[in-house]
Amino acid sequence: MTTSTHYPIAIIGAGLGGLTAARVLQVNGIEAALFELEPSADTRVQGGMLDIHEENGQLALRAAGLYDEFRAIIHEGGEAMRLVGSDGVVHVAQEDDGDGGRPEVDRGDLRKLLLDSLSEGSIHWGKKVTGARSLDGGRHEVTFADGSTITTDLLIGADGAWSRIRPLLSDAVPTYTGISFVESDLLDPDVQHPNQAAIVGNGMFICLGDERGFLGHRETDGSLHIYTALKVDEGVLDTIDFTDQEAAKAAVLSYFDGWDKDLQALVADADNPLVPRRIHALPVGHRWERTAGVTLLGDAAHLMSPFAGEGANLAIFDGAELGQAIAAHPGDLDAALTAYEDALFPRSEVSAAESAENLDSMFAPDALERYTEFFTSIPDGREG
């Protein structure tokens, strides 16, 4: 017979949102247990750059008592931006003058900052959820692949796009947005790939044309992380053998015939294996009826495409807002969750709608012209 362990607050998922929720709770003297399917903090590289916004992400880090530590891991120069056409011509070039409101950090560095801020033993690693069900009195039971179970007074689903907690609240499932990414990396580019280093620059890189493009960043280690974006049917990536890298590169580059050779080399000269990713989203305005003892945050609550730059910011802001709501309503979880969700739903709907609109415009036939006009019309040439 399996014995369940009870935790007053259980957070499923130790991504940025779940970690922030646990940290803000801890700052307010409230302990929470996190359960993460990965076996350890170092299982995989937590790559990619994030721009952390003043109006949400930075506020969350202040609530977590980690703002000064966050400033110490900022990628200096990372707010630079280049917009390029398919012929390699630079249409917009913005430098990072250090006074922008959306500084860049490495996702892995931010996650480590949050991990290191939690009390020892807060995270239970290697806990893959296989089921979750409601019990009497607003409590819930969660079952894991290793056969263990827990019960909790408050179950927080911070377990991402394919959340196992979401079905307790909603029938919604993510759907394919029509855009697929293929990730590539160019290492030591200033020495090994100087033409690509020159065209990408020191910060964010956007190249658009023919309803496709390249999106990327210069990473904190100097490498170039590139997302090749394709407007294709959902099954197209299944036709590419990503175990054969040369064949995969050729298949991806077949969509970029006639493009500038230095742009094509962002894929052709990739140093690491190509990684396919389909972009999914939940319906804009996703919400649920208030249900005792359970809620969601981050992608579990409002998965959207990355084209508003809000996913990580909303996740950590959700975590902070939820932690503060619980602290502000001691002994009254229903009041805490009501306050949290009443603010969560409208703010996430705005960002999800913006993300969907940006997806459409970024992969429109006249995307380069639209974004050239957009970036050159912003006061001082800078967004945010």
Protein backbone atom coordinates (compact mmCIF):
# COMPACT_ATOMS: atom_id res chain seq x y z
CA MET A 1 0.00 0.00 0.00
CA THR A 2 1.39 3.39 -1.03
CA THR A 3 1.62 6.05 1.66
CA SER A 4 1.03 9.67 0.63
CA THR A 5 3.00 12.55 2.07
CA HIS A 6 1.05 15.73 2.73
CA TYR A 7 2.35 19.17 1.82
CA PRO A 8 0.34 22.33 2.55
CA ILE A 9 1.50 23.88 -0.75
CA ALA A 10 2.78 21.80 -3.68
CA ILE A 11 4.15 23.39 -6.84
CA ILE A 12 4.42 21.13 -9.87
CA GLY A 13 7.28 22.32 -12.07
CA ALA A 14 10.57 24.00 -11.17
CA GLY A 15 10.75 26.33 -14.12
CA LEU A 16 11.07 30.08 -13.71
CA GLY A 17 7.44 30.60 -12.64
CA GLY A 18 7.34 27.79 -10.09
CA LEU A 19 10.69 28.81 -8.63
CA THR A 20 9.57 32.43 -8.31
CA ALA A 21 6.37 31.42 -6.55
CA ALA A 22 8.34 29.30 -4.07
CA ARG A 23 10.87 32.08 -3.49
CA VAL A 24 8.25 34.79 -2.87
CA LEU A 25 6.40 32.47 -0.50
CA GLN A 26 9.66 31.77 1.31
CA VAL A 27 10.43 35.50 1.59
CA ASN A 28 7.03 35.81 3.29
CA GLY A 29 7.74 32.97 5.72
CA ILE A 30 5.72 30.33 3.88
CA GLU A 31 7.27 27.05 2.77
CA ALA A 32 6.25 25.26 -0.42
CA ALA A 33 7.44 21.99 -1.93
CA LEU A 34 8.37 21.86 -5.63
CA PHE A 35 8.20 18.70 -7.75
CA GLU A 36 10.19 18.63 -10.99
CA LEU A 37 10.32 15.85 -13.59
CA GLU A 38 13.97 16.47 -14.49
CA PRO A 39 16.38 14.40 -12.37
CA SER A 40 18.59 17.34 -11.37
CA ALA A 41 19.21 21.02 -11.91
CA ASP A 42 21.98 20.23 -14.39
CA THR A 43 20.14 17.72 -16.58
CA ARG A 44 20.08 19.98 -19.63
CA VAL A 45 21.28 23.37 -20.72
CA GLN A 46 18.68 26.03 -19.96
CA GLY A 47 19.64 28.04 -23.00
CA GLY A 48 18.33 31.15 -24.69
CA MET A 49 18.29 34.82 -23.82
CA LEU A 50 15.41 36.54 -22.05
CA ASP A 51 14.61 40.25 -21.97
CA ILE A 52 13.25 40.98 -18.51
CA HIS A 53 10.69 43.77 -18.57
CA GLU A 54 10.36 46.62 -16.08
CA GLU A 55 6.59 46.30 -15.79
CA ASN A 56 6.42 42.63 -14.83
CA GLY A 57 9.57 40.49 -14.75
CA GLN A 58 11.65 43.02 -12.86
CA LEU A 59 8.82 43.68 -10.42
CA ALA A 60 8.68 39.94 -9.72
CA LEU A 61 12.41 39.81 -8.99
CA ARG A 62 12.05 42.74 -6.61
CA ALA A 63 9.26 40.87 -4.80
CA ALA A 64 11.58 37.87 -4.62
CA GLY A 65 14.33 39.97 -3.05
CA LEU A 66 16.65 39.19 -5.95
CA TYR A 67 16.73 42.39 -7.98
CA ASP A 68 20.33 43.33 -7.19
CA GLU A 69 21.49 39.80 -7.95
CA PHE A 70 19.57 39.96 -11.23
CA ARG A 71 21.37 43.17 -12.22
CA ALA A 72 24.67 41.35 -11.72
CA ILE A 73 23.86 38.70 -14.38
CA ILE A 74 22.63 41.07 -17.10
CA HIS A 75 24.22 40.55 -20.51
CA GLU A 76 25.77 43.96 -21.14
CA GLY A 77 25.08 45.07 -24.70
CA GLY A 78 22.30 42.51 -25.10
CA GLU A 79 19.60 45.08 -25.84
CA ALA A 80 21.18 45.85 -29.21
CA MET A 81 18.99 44.85 -32.16
CA ARG A 82 19.36 44.30 -35.88
CA LEU A 83 16.63 43.90 -38.48
CA VAL A 84 17.87 42.36 -41.72
CA GLY A 85 16.32 41.40 -45.06
CA SER A 86 16.72 38.15 -46.96
CA ASP A 87 19.50 39.75 -49.01
CA GLY A 88 21.56 40.43 -45.89
CA VAL A 89 20.96 44.19 -45.98
CA VAL A 90 20.60 45.72 -42.51
CA HIS A 91 17.41 47.82 -42.31
CA VAL A 92 17.55 48.79 -38.64
CA ALA A 93 20.50 48.72 -36.24
CA GLN A 94 20.08 49.78 -32.62
CA GLU A 95 22.90 49.79 -30.12
CA ASP A 96 22.52 49.07 -26.42
CA ASP A 97 23.17 52.37 -24.67
CA GLY A 98 22.56 50.85 -21.25
CA ASP A 99 19.35 52.71 -20.40
CA GLY A 100 16.76 50.37 -21.95
CA GLY A 101 14.02 48.86 -19.82
CA ARG A 102 14.39 45.27 -21.01
CA PRO A 103 17.88 44.01 -20.15
CA GLU A 104 18.88 40.58 -21.43
CA VAL A 105 19.87 37.66 -19.22
CA ASP A 106 20.69 34.05 -19.95
CA ARG A 107 17.74 31.82 -19.00
CA GLY A 108 20.09 29.37 -17.29
CA ASP A 109 21.67 32.12 -15.20
CA LEU A 110 18.26 33.37 -14.09
CA ARG A 111 17.09 29.88 -13.22
CA LYS A 112 20.26 29.26 -11.20
CA LEU A 113 19.71 32.53 -9.33
CA LEU A 114 16.23 31.38 -8.35
CA LEU A 115 17.34 27.83 -7.51
CA ASP A 116 20.13 29.05 -5.27
CA SER A 117 17.74 31.36 -3.42
CA LEU A 118 15.56 28.51 -2.11
CA SER A 119 16.07 26.66 1.14
CA GLU A 120 17.73 23.27 0.83
CA GLY A 121 15.35 20.42 0.15
CA SER A 122 12.62 22.60 -1.36
CA ILE A 123 12.81 20.82 -4.72
CA HIS A 124 12.04 17.13 -5.24
CA TRP A 125 13.78 16.08 -8.46
CA GLY A 126 12.83 13.23 -10.79
CA LYS A 127 9.12 13.56 -10.07
CA LYS A 128 7.15 13.03 -13.27
CA VAL A 129 3.42 13.50 -12.73
CA THR A 130 1.24 10.69 -14.04
CA GLY A 131 -2.06 11.79 -12.53
CA ALA A 132 -3.80 14.36 -10.36
CA ARG A 133 -7.25 14.20 -8.80
CA SER A 134 -9.47 16.18 -6.49
CA LEU A 135 -10.18 15.05 -2.94
CA ASP A 136 -12.71 16.30 -0.45
CA GLY A 137 -12.35 19.74 1.10
CA GLY A 138 -10.38 21.32 -1.75
CA ARG A 139 -7.41 19.02 -1.30
CA HIS A 140 -5.71 17.22 -4.20
CA GLU A 141 -3.66 14.11 -4.74
CA VAL A 142 -0.79 13.86 -7.22
CA THR A 143 0.72 10.58 -8.41
CA PHE A 144 4.24 10.28 -9.81
CA ALA A 145 5.87 7.83 -12.20
CA ASP A 146 8.03 6.39 -9.40
CA GLY A 147 4.85 5.22 -7.66
CA SER A 148 4.87 7.86 -4.92
CA THR A 149 1.91 10.12 -4.17
CA ILE A 150 1.39 13.36 -2.33
CA THR A 151 -1.62 15.25 -1.07
CA THR A 152 -1.82 19.00 -0.75
CA ASP A 153 -4.08 21.81 0.40
CA LEU A 154 -2.96 23.99 -2.52
CA LEU A 155 -1.85 22.50 -5.82
CA ILE A 156 -0.07 24.93 -8.17
CA GLY A 157 0.39 23.84 -11.77
CA ALA A 158 3.60 25.44 -13.01
CA ASP A 159 4.33 22.53 -15.33
CA GLY A 160 4.34 24.22 -18.69
CA ALA A 161 2.65 23.82 -22.04
CA TRP A 162 1.52 20.22 -21.58
CA SER A 163 0.52 20.61 -17.93
CA ARG A 164 -0.82 17.55 -16.14
CA ILE A 165 -2.55 19.87 -13.65
CA ARG A 166 -4.48 21.96 -16.20
CA PRO A 167 -7.16 19.26 -16.83
CA LEU A 168 -8.35 19.73 -13.24
CA LEU A 169 -9.48 23.20 -14.28
CA SER A 170 -9.88 23.34 -18.04
CA ASP A 171 -10.43 21.23 -21.15
CA ALA A 172 -8.24 23.55 -23.22
CA VAL A 173 -5.19 22.08 -24.96
CA PRO A 174 -2.44 23.88 -26.90
CA THR A 175 -2.83 24.01 -30.67
CA TYR A 176 -0.24 24.50 -33.39
CA THR A 177 0.21 28.15 -34.38
CA GLY A 178 1.39 27.51 -37.93
CA ILE A 179 5.01 28.38 -37.12
CA SER A 180 7.84 25.91 -36.54
CA PHE A 181 11.35 26.67 -35.30
CA VAL A 182 14.61 24.87 -35.93
CA GLU A 183 17.29 25.85 -33.42
CA SER A 184 20.99 26.07 -34.26
CA ASP A 185 24.13 27.33 -32.52
CA LEU A 186 27.34 28.81 -33.86
CA LEU A 187 30.13 28.60 -31.30
CA ASP A 188 33.05 31.02 -30.99
CA PRO A 189 31.63 32.96 -33.94
CA ASP A 190 34.06 35.88 -33.86
CA VAL A 191 36.82 33.40 -34.74
CA GLN A 192 35.02 30.50 -36.42
CA HIS A 193 32.09 32.30 -38.10
CA PRO A 194 33.10 35.98 -38.46
CA ASN A 195 30.61 36.80 -41.24
CA GLN A 196 27.72 35.48 -39.15
CA ALA A 197 29.00 37.27 -36.06
CA ALA A 198 29.10 40.50 -38.03
CA ILE A 199 25.59 40.22 -39.45
CA VAL A 200 23.94 39.14 -36.15
CA GLY A 201 25.69 41.76 -34.03
CA ASN A 202 25.82 41.84 -30.24
CA GLY A 203 22.18 41.47 -29.25
CA MET A 204 18.86 40.47 -30.80
CA PHE A 205 18.73 39.55 -34.50
CA ILE A 206 15.63 39.53 -36.70
CA CYS A 207 15.71 38.56 -40.36
CA LEU A 208 12.39 38.44 -42.23
CA GLY A 209 11.18 37.69 -45.73
CA ASP A 210 8.94 35.38 -47.75
CA GLU A 211 6.85 34.49 -44.66
CA ARG A 212 9.88 32.94 -42.92
CA GLY A 213 13.08 34.10 -41.32
CA PHE A 214 15.84 33.82 -38.77
CA LEU A 215 15.53 35.05 -35.19
CA GLY A 216 18.40 34.94 -32.75
CA HIS A 217 20.65 36.36 -30.06
CA ARG A 218 24.25 36.75 -29.19
CA GLU A 219 24.57 34.71 -25.98
CA THR A 220 26.52 35.65 -22.87
CA ASP A 221 29.31 33.26 -23.89
CA GLY A 222 29.57 34.99 -27.27
CA SER A 223 27.89 32.20 -29.23
CA LEU A 224 25.02 32.77 -31.65
CA HIS A 225 21.71 31.03 -30.89
CA ILE A 226 19.47 31.02 -33.94
CA TYR A 227 15.84 30.07 -34.47
CA THR A 228 15.03 29.36 -38.10
CA ALA A 229 11.31 30.15 -38.41
CA LEU A 230 9.13 28.43 -40.98
CA LYS A 231 5.45 29.03 -41.75
CA VAL A 232 4.56 25.42 -42.52
CA ASP A 233 2.00 22.73 -41.78
CA GLU A 234 2.32 20.96 -38.44
CA GLY A 235 3.66 17.72 -39.92
CA VAL A 236 6.46 19.22 -42.00
CA LEU A 237 9.16 18.77 -39.37
CA ASP A 238 8.26 15.07 -39.20
CA THR A 239 9.45 14.71 -42.79
CA ILE A 240 12.99 15.80 -41.83
CA ASP A 241 15.46 13.31 -40.36
CA PHE A 242 17.12 15.31 -37.61
CA THR A 243 19.38 12.37 -36.74
CA ASP A 244 21.19 13.05 -40.04
CA GLN A 245 22.44 16.59 -39.53
CA GLU A 246 23.67 17.24 -43.05
CA ALA A 247 20.38 16.04 -44.51
CA ALA A 248 18.47 18.09 -41.93
CA LYS A 249 20.45 21.21 -42.78
CA ALA A 250 19.77 20.71 -46.47
CA ALA A 251 16.05 20.19 -45.85
CA VAL A 252 15.76 23.36 -43.74
CA LEU A 253 17.81 25.41 -46.18
CA SER A 254 15.60 24.33 -49.07
CA TYR A 255 13.17 26.97 -47.75
CA PHE A 256 15.83 29.67 -48.17
CA ASP A 257 16.90 29.29 -51.80
CA GLY A 258 18.14 32.62 -53.08
CA TRP A 259 18.76 34.09 -49.63
CA ASP A 260 22.08 35.65 -48.73
CA LYS A 261 24.80 33.01 -48.28
CA ASP A 262 25.89 34.38 -44.90
CA LEU A 263 22.32 34.01 -43.67
CA GLN A 264 22.09 30.47 -44.99
CA ALA A 265 25.31 29.69 -43.09
CA LEU A 266 23.46 30.30 -39.80
CA VAL A 267 22.09 26.81 -40.46
CA ALA A 268 24.68 25.31 -42.81
CA ASP A 269 27.58 25.98 -40.44
CA ALA A 270 25.80 25.15 -37.17
CA ASP A 271 28.16 23.55 -34.66
CA ASN A 272 25.53 21.71 -32.61
CA PRO A 273 22.74 19.39 -33.81
CA LEU A 274 19.65 21.14 -35.16
CA VAL A 275 16.65 20.98 -32.80
CA PRO A 276 13.08 21.12 -34.18
CA ARG A 277 10.35 22.91 -32.20
CA ARG A 278 6.72 23.47 -33.10
CA ILE A 279 5.15 26.60 -31.65
CA HIS A 280 1.86 25.98 -29.83
CA ALA A 281 -0.52 28.25 -27.95
CA LEU A 282 -3.59 28.06 -25.75
CA PRO A 283 -6.68 30.01 -26.84
CA VAL A 284 -6.40 33.75 -26.29
CA GLY A 285 -8.34 34.57 -23.16
CA HIS A 286 -7.99 31.09 -21.62
CA ARG A 287 -9.51 31.02 -18.14
CA TRP A 288 -11.33 28.69 -15.78
CA GLU A 289 -13.91 28.73 -13.02
CA ARG A 290 -12.55 29.25 -9.52
CA THR A 291 -11.86 25.79 -8.12
CA ALA A 292 -10.92 25.17 -4.50
CA GLY A 293 -7.31 24.29 -3.81
CA VAL A 294 -5.79 24.48 -7.29
CA THR A 295 -4.51 27.07 -9.77
CA LEU A 296 -2.06 27.52 -12.64
CA LEU A 297 0.71 29.90 -13.61
CA GLY A 298 2.99 30.54 -16.58
CA ASP A 299 2.61 28.44 -19.71
CA ALA A 300 0.27 26.06 -17.91
CA ALA A 301 -2.15 28.97 -17.60
CA HIS A 302 -1.58 30.98 -20.78
CA LEU A 303 0.81 29.37 -23.26
CA MET A 304 1.43 31.77 -26.11
CA SER A 305 3.88 32.09 -28.98
CA PRO A 306 7.14 33.95 -28.20
CA PHE A 307 6.37 36.91 -30.44
CA ALA A 308 5.38 39.29 -27.66
CA GLY A 309 8.44 38.45 -25.56
CA GLU A 310 6.20 37.96 -22.53
CA GLY A 311 6.26 34.22 -21.74
CA ALA A 312 9.05 34.17 -19.16
CA ASN A 313 8.14 37.60 -17.83
CA LEU A 314 4.55 36.57 -17.22
CA ALA A 315 5.63 33.29 -15.64
CA ILE A 316 7.80 34.91 -13.01
CA PHE A 317 5.29 37.70 -12.50
CA ASP A 318 2.51 35.12 -12.03
CA GLY A 319 4.69 33.33 -9.48
CA ALA A 320 5.36 36.50 -7.55
CA GLU A 321 1.73 37.66 -7.66
CA LEU A 322 0.49 34.27 -6.48
CA GLY A 323 3.00 34.15 -3.65
CA GLN A 324 2.07 37.65 -2.52
CA ALA A 325 -1.67 36.90 -2.74
CA ILE A 326 -1.25 33.85 -0.50
CA ALA A 327 0.79 35.86 1.97
CA ALA A 328 -1.81 38.65 1.97
CA HIS A 329 -4.68 36.25 2.81
CA PRO A 330 -3.40 34.04 5.62
CA GLY A 331 -5.70 31.12 6.25
CA ASP A 332 -7.97 31.94 3.31
CA LEU A 333 -6.75 30.19 0.18
CA ASP A 334 -9.94 30.83 -1.73
CA ALA A 335 -9.62 34.59 -1.25
CA ALA A 336 -5.97 34.41 -2.26
CA LEU A 337 -6.67 32.46 -5.44
CA THR A 338 -9.62 34.67 -6.34
CA ALA A 339 -7.46 37.80 -6.05
CA TYR A 340 -4.67 36.18 -8.06
CA GLU A 341 -6.86 34.86 -10.88
CA ASP A 342 -8.93 38.04 -11.14
CA ALA A 343 -5.71 39.83 -12.14
CA LEU A 344 -4.14 36.90 -14.02
CA PHE A 345 -6.85 36.45 -16.62
CA PRO A 346 -7.03 39.97 -18.09
CA ARG A 347 -3.27 40.56 -18.14
CA SER A 348 -2.51 37.25 -19.82
CA GLU A 349 -5.28 37.81 -22.36
CA VAL A 350 -3.73 41.11 -23.42
CA SER A 351 -0.30 39.52 -23.89
CA ALA A 352 -1.69 36.46 -25.68
CA ALA A 353 -3.59 38.66 -28.11
CA GLU A 354 -0.46 40.72 -28.76
CA SER A 355 1.54 37.55 -29.32
CA ALA A 356 -0.98 36.20 -31.84
CA GLU A 357 -1.11 39.53 -33.66
CA ASN A 358 2.69 39.75 -33.79
CA LEU A 359 2.92 36.22 -35.16
CA ASP A 360 0.62 37.17 -38.02
CA SER A 361 2.51 40.37 -38.80
CA MET A 362 6.01 38.87 -38.47
CA PHE A 363 5.24 36.23 -41.07
CA ALA A 364 3.15 38.38 -43.39
CA PRO A 365 4.38 38.96 -46.97
CA ASP A 366 5.33 42.56 -46.09
CA ALA A 367 6.82 41.76 -42.67
CA LEU A 368 10.19 43.41 -43.33
CA GLU A 369 8.56 46.68 -44.34
CA ARG A 370 6.19 46.58 -41.36
CA TYR A 371 8.95 46.00 -38.83
CA THR A 372 11.31 48.50 -40.40
CA GLU A 373 8.60 51.14 -40.01
CA PHE A 374 7.80 49.94 -36.48
CA PHE A 375 11.35 50.07 -35.14
CA THR A 376 12.22 53.35 -36.82
CA SER A 377 9.05 55.02 -35.47
CA ILE A 378 9.76 54.23 -31.81
CA PRO A 379 11.01 57.27 -29.86
CA ASP A 380 14.80 57.08 -29.45
CA GLY A 381 14.73 53.99 -31.66
CA ARG A 382 14.07 51.57 -28.85
CA GLU A 383 11.15 49.41 -27.79
CA GLY A 384 10.07 49.26 -24.14
